[in-house]
Amino acid sequence: MRLVLIEWLDSYGGSGGWKALEDCTPDPLLCRSVGWLLHDTEQYKVLVPHLVEPGVETRIAAQGRGDLAIPCAAIVSVRELVA
């Protein structure tokens, strides 16, 4: 797996009450996520930031935690990092 930094746009909203429509402006959030690229398809990329290496002595299978699926339509850039 490749270690990557992905910059992507996320939605923002969810006001707690009524407000004037002219105050409802789009404010997407620029997010940055780093992790191991587990899946890379035309629709989405899946990052896993935390991995456990399998071990014969410990009998632990390869595992990951914190997986995040990012839609490709929201991705601004992908940069490979040196592991």
N, C-alpha and C. Protein backbone atom coordinates (compact mmCIF):
# COMPACT_ATOMS: atom_id res chain seq x y z
N MET A 1 0.83 -1.19 0.00
CA MET A 1 0.00 0.00 0.00
C MET A 1 0.87 1.25 0.00
N ARG A 2 0.35 2.29 -0.60
CA ARG A 2 1.07 3.57 -0.66
C ARG A 2 0.60 4.48 0.47
N LEU A 3 1.52 5.24 1.04
CA LEU A 3 1.19 6.24 2.05
C LEU A 3 0.94 7.55 1.31
N VAL A 4 -0.25 8.15 1.49
CA VAL A 4 -0.61 9.34 0.73
C VAL A 4 -1.21 10.43 1.62
N LEU A 5 -1.15 11.66 1.12
CA LEU A 5 -1.84 12.81 1.68
C LEU A 5 -2.90 13.20 0.66
N ILE A 6 -4.16 13.21 1.08
CA ILE A 6 -5.26 13.59 0.19
C ILE A 6 -5.88 14.88 0.69
N GLU A 7 -5.99 15.87 -0.19
CA GLU A 7 -6.74 17.09 0.10
C GLU A 7 -8.10 16.94 -0.56
N TRP A 8 -9.16 17.24 0.21
CA TRP A 8 -10.50 17.02 -0.32
C TRP A 8 -11.47 18.02 0.30
N LEU A 9 -12.57 18.25 -0.43
CA LEU A 9 -13.59 19.19 0.03
C LEU A 9 -14.72 18.44 0.72
N ASP A 10 -15.10 18.92 1.88
CA ASP A 10 -16.20 18.33 2.64
C ASP A 10 -17.31 19.36 2.74
N SER A 11 -18.52 18.89 2.92
CA SER A 11 -19.66 19.80 3.06
C SER A 11 -19.69 20.37 4.47
N TYR A 12 -20.37 21.48 4.62
CA TYR A 12 -20.48 22.14 5.91
C TYR A 12 -21.87 22.70 6.03
N GLY A 13 -22.45 22.57 7.17
CA GLY A 13 -23.79 23.13 7.37
C GLY A 13 -24.38 22.60 8.65
N GLY A 14 -25.70 22.58 8.69
CA GLY A 14 -26.38 22.06 9.86
C GLY A 14 -26.61 23.12 10.93
N SER A 15 -27.09 24.28 10.50
CA SER A 15 -27.37 25.31 11.49
C SER A 15 -28.43 24.81 12.46
N GLY A 16 -28.38 25.34 13.67
CA GLY A 16 -29.26 24.88 14.74
C GLY A 16 -30.65 25.48 14.74
N GLY A 17 -30.92 26.39 13.86
CA GLY A 17 -32.25 27.02 13.88
C GLY A 17 -32.54 27.73 12.58
N TRP A 18 -33.61 28.48 12.58
CA TRP A 18 -34.01 29.22 11.40
C TRP A 18 -33.06 30.38 11.18
N LYS A 19 -32.80 30.67 9.90
CA LYS A 19 -32.02 31.86 9.57
C LYS A 19 -32.40 32.33 8.18
N ALA A 20 -32.11 33.59 7.89
CA ALA A 20 -32.46 34.19 6.60
C ALA A 20 -31.74 33.46 5.48
N LEU A 21 -32.43 33.26 4.36
CA LEU A 21 -31.84 32.54 3.23
C LEU A 21 -30.61 33.23 2.68
N GLU A 22 -30.56 34.57 2.74
CA GLU A 22 -29.36 35.26 2.24
C GLU A 22 -28.13 34.99 3.11
N ASP A 23 -28.35 34.47 4.32
CA ASP A 23 -27.23 34.11 5.18
C ASP A 23 -26.77 32.67 4.97
N CYS A 24 -27.45 31.92 4.11
CA CYS A 24 -27.09 30.53 3.83
C CYS A 24 -26.12 30.50 2.64
N THR A 25 -24.84 30.62 2.93
CA THR A 25 -23.83 30.65 1.88
C THR A 25 -23.02 29.36 1.91
N PRO A 26 -22.59 28.90 0.74
CA PRO A 26 -21.82 27.66 0.70
C PRO A 26 -20.41 27.90 1.22
N ASP A 27 -20.00 27.10 2.17
CA ASP A 27 -18.67 27.19 2.73
C ASP A 27 -18.08 25.79 2.84
N PRO A 28 -17.60 25.22 1.71
CA PRO A 28 -16.99 23.89 1.81
C PRO A 28 -15.69 23.97 2.61
N LEU A 29 -15.37 22.88 3.26
CA LEU A 29 -14.17 22.81 4.08
C LEU A 29 -13.07 22.06 3.33
N LEU A 30 -11.88 22.63 3.30
CA LEU A 30 -10.74 21.93 2.72
C LEU A 30 -10.14 21.05 3.81
N CYS A 31 -10.15 19.74 3.59
CA CYS A 31 -9.66 18.78 4.57
C CYS A 31 -8.38 18.13 4.06
N ARG A 32 -7.56 17.69 4.99
CA ARG A 32 -6.34 16.95 4.65
C ARG A 32 -6.33 15.67 5.46
N SER A 33 -6.14 14.55 4.77
CA SER A 33 -6.10 13.24 5.43
C SER A 33 -4.87 12.49 4.96
N VAL A 34 -4.22 11.80 5.91
CA VAL A 34 -3.03 11.01 5.62
C VAL A 34 -3.30 9.57 6.02
N GLY A 35 -2.90 8.64 5.17
CA GLY A 35 -3.06 7.24 5.51
C GLY A 35 -2.58 6.34 4.40
N TRP A 36 -2.72 5.06 4.64
CA TRP A 36 -2.36 4.04 3.66
C TRP A 36 -3.53 3.87 2.71
N LEU A 37 -3.27 3.93 1.41
CA LEU A 37 -4.32 3.84 0.38
C LEU A 37 -4.71 2.37 0.20
N LEU A 38 -5.81 1.99 0.82
CA LEU A 38 -6.27 0.60 0.81
C LEU A 38 -7.03 0.27 -0.47
N HIS A 39 -7.93 1.17 -0.89
CA HIS A 39 -8.70 0.99 -2.12
C HIS A 39 -8.59 2.26 -2.95
N ASP A 40 -8.43 2.09 -4.25
CA ASP A 40 -8.30 3.21 -5.17
C ASP A 40 -9.14 2.89 -6.40
N THR A 41 -10.39 3.37 -6.41
CA THR A 41 -11.29 3.09 -7.53
C THR A 41 -11.68 4.41 -8.22
N GLU A 42 -12.46 4.32 -9.27
CA GLU A 42 -12.92 5.53 -9.95
C GLU A 42 -13.92 6.32 -9.10
N GLN A 43 -14.59 5.66 -8.17
CA GLN A 43 -15.61 6.32 -7.35
C GLN A 43 -15.06 6.85 -6.02
N TYR A 44 -14.12 6.16 -5.41
CA TYR A 44 -13.64 6.57 -4.10
C TYR A 44 -12.23 6.05 -3.82
N LYS A 45 -11.60 6.65 -2.82
CA LYS A 45 -10.32 6.18 -2.30
C LYS A 45 -10.53 5.93 -0.81
N VAL A 46 -9.99 4.83 -0.31
CA VAL A 46 -10.12 4.48 1.10
C VAL A 46 -8.74 4.57 1.75
N LEU A 47 -8.65 5.43 2.78
CA LEU A 47 -7.43 5.58 3.56
C LEU A 47 -7.58 4.88 4.90
N VAL A 48 -6.50 4.26 5.35
CA VAL A 48 -6.45 3.66 6.68
C VAL A 48 -5.19 4.21 7.36
N PRO A 49 -5.35 5.02 8.41
CA PRO A 49 -4.18 5.64 9.04
C PRO A 49 -3.42 4.74 10.00
N HIS A 50 -4.08 3.72 10.53
CA HIS A 50 -3.44 2.88 11.54
C HIS A 50 -3.46 1.42 11.10
N LEU A 51 -2.29 0.78 11.08
CA LEU A 51 -2.18 -0.61 10.65
C LEU A 51 -1.50 -1.47 11.70
N VAL A 52 -1.87 -2.73 11.75
CA VAL A 52 -1.20 -3.73 12.56
C VAL A 52 -0.59 -4.74 11.60
N GLU A 53 0.68 -4.98 11.73
CA GLU A 53 1.34 -5.97 10.89
C GLU A 53 1.01 -7.36 11.41
N PRO A 54 0.75 -8.28 10.49
CA PRO A 54 0.49 -9.65 10.95
C PRO A 54 1.77 -10.24 11.53
N GLY A 55 1.60 -11.11 12.51
CA GLY A 55 2.77 -11.73 13.13
C GLY A 55 2.53 -13.20 13.39
N VAL A 56 3.52 -14.00 13.07
CA VAL A 56 3.43 -15.44 13.29
C VAL A 56 3.41 -15.72 14.79
N GLU A 57 4.26 -15.01 15.54
CA GLU A 57 4.34 -15.24 16.98
C GLU A 57 3.06 -14.82 17.69
N THR A 58 2.46 -13.72 17.26
CA THR A 58 1.28 -13.18 17.95
C THR A 58 -0.03 -13.71 17.36
N ARG A 59 0.05 -14.34 16.20
CA ARG A 59 -1.13 -14.87 15.50
C ARG A 59 -2.17 -13.79 15.23
N ILE A 60 -1.71 -12.60 14.94
CA ILE A 60 -2.60 -11.50 14.61
C ILE A 60 -2.63 -11.32 13.10
N ALA A 61 -3.82 -11.24 12.54
CA ALA A 61 -3.97 -10.99 11.10
C ALA A 61 -3.75 -9.50 10.83
N ALA A 62 -3.46 -9.17 9.57
CA ALA A 62 -3.32 -7.76 9.18
C ALA A 62 -4.63 -7.05 9.50
N GLN A 63 -4.53 -5.91 10.20
CA GLN A 63 -5.71 -5.15 10.60
C GLN A 63 -5.47 -3.67 10.39
N GLY A 64 -6.58 -2.92 10.28
CA GLY A 64 -6.51 -1.47 10.18
C GLY A 64 -7.58 -0.83 11.03
N ARG A 65 -7.38 0.45 11.35
CA ARG A 65 -8.35 1.18 12.16
C ARG A 65 -8.45 2.61 11.65
N GLY A 66 -9.66 3.15 11.64
CA GLY A 66 -9.87 4.54 11.26
C GLY A 66 -10.06 4.73 9.77
N ASP A 67 -10.56 3.70 9.07
CA ASP A 67 -10.71 3.80 7.62
C ASP A 67 -11.66 4.93 7.23
N LEU A 68 -11.35 5.59 6.12
CA LEU A 68 -12.12 6.72 5.62
C LEU A 68 -12.27 6.59 4.12
N ALA A 69 -13.51 6.56 3.63
CA ALA A 69 -13.79 6.52 2.19
C ALA A 69 -14.04 7.96 1.72
N ILE A 70 -13.25 8.41 0.76
CA ILE A 70 -13.38 9.77 0.23
C ILE A 70 -13.85 9.67 -1.22
N PRO A 71 -14.99 10.27 -1.56
CA PRO A 71 -15.46 10.25 -2.95
C PRO A 71 -14.46 10.99 -3.86
N CYS A 72 -14.14 10.41 -4.99
CA CYS A 72 -13.18 11.02 -5.92
C CYS A 72 -13.64 12.39 -6.40
N ALA A 73 -14.94 12.60 -6.50
CA ALA A 73 -15.46 13.90 -6.94
C ALA A 73 -15.08 15.02 -5.96
N ALA A 74 -14.78 14.67 -4.71
CA ALA A 74 -14.45 15.68 -3.70
C ALA A 74 -12.94 15.90 -3.57
N ILE A 75 -12.13 15.10 -4.26
CA ILE A 75 -10.68 15.16 -4.09
C ILE A 75 -10.07 16.30 -4.90
N VAL A 76 -9.26 17.10 -4.22
CA VAL A 76 -8.55 18.21 -4.85
C VAL A 76 -7.17 17.76 -5.31
N SER A 77 -6.46 16.98 -4.45
CA SER A 77 -5.13 16.51 -4.82
C SER A 77 -4.77 15.27 -4.01
N VAL A 78 -3.86 14.48 -4.58
CA VAL A 78 -3.31 13.30 -3.92
C VAL A 78 -1.78 13.39 -4.07
N ARG A 79 -1.10 13.27 -2.93
CA ARG A 79 0.36 13.32 -2.97
C ARG A 79 0.91 12.09 -2.24
N GLU A 80 1.82 11.38 -2.90
CA GLU A 80 2.43 10.22 -2.26
C GLU A 80 3.51 10.67 -1.30
N LEU A 81 3.53 10.04 -0.13
CA LEU A 81 4.51 10.36 0.90
C LEU A 81 5.54 9.24 0.99
N VAL A 82 6.71 9.53 1.50
CA VAL A 82 7.74 8.53 1.68
C VAL A 82 7.50 7.83 3.01
N ALA A 83 7.39 6.51 2.97
CA ALA A 83 7.13 5.75 4.19
C ALA A 83 8.40 5.33 4.86
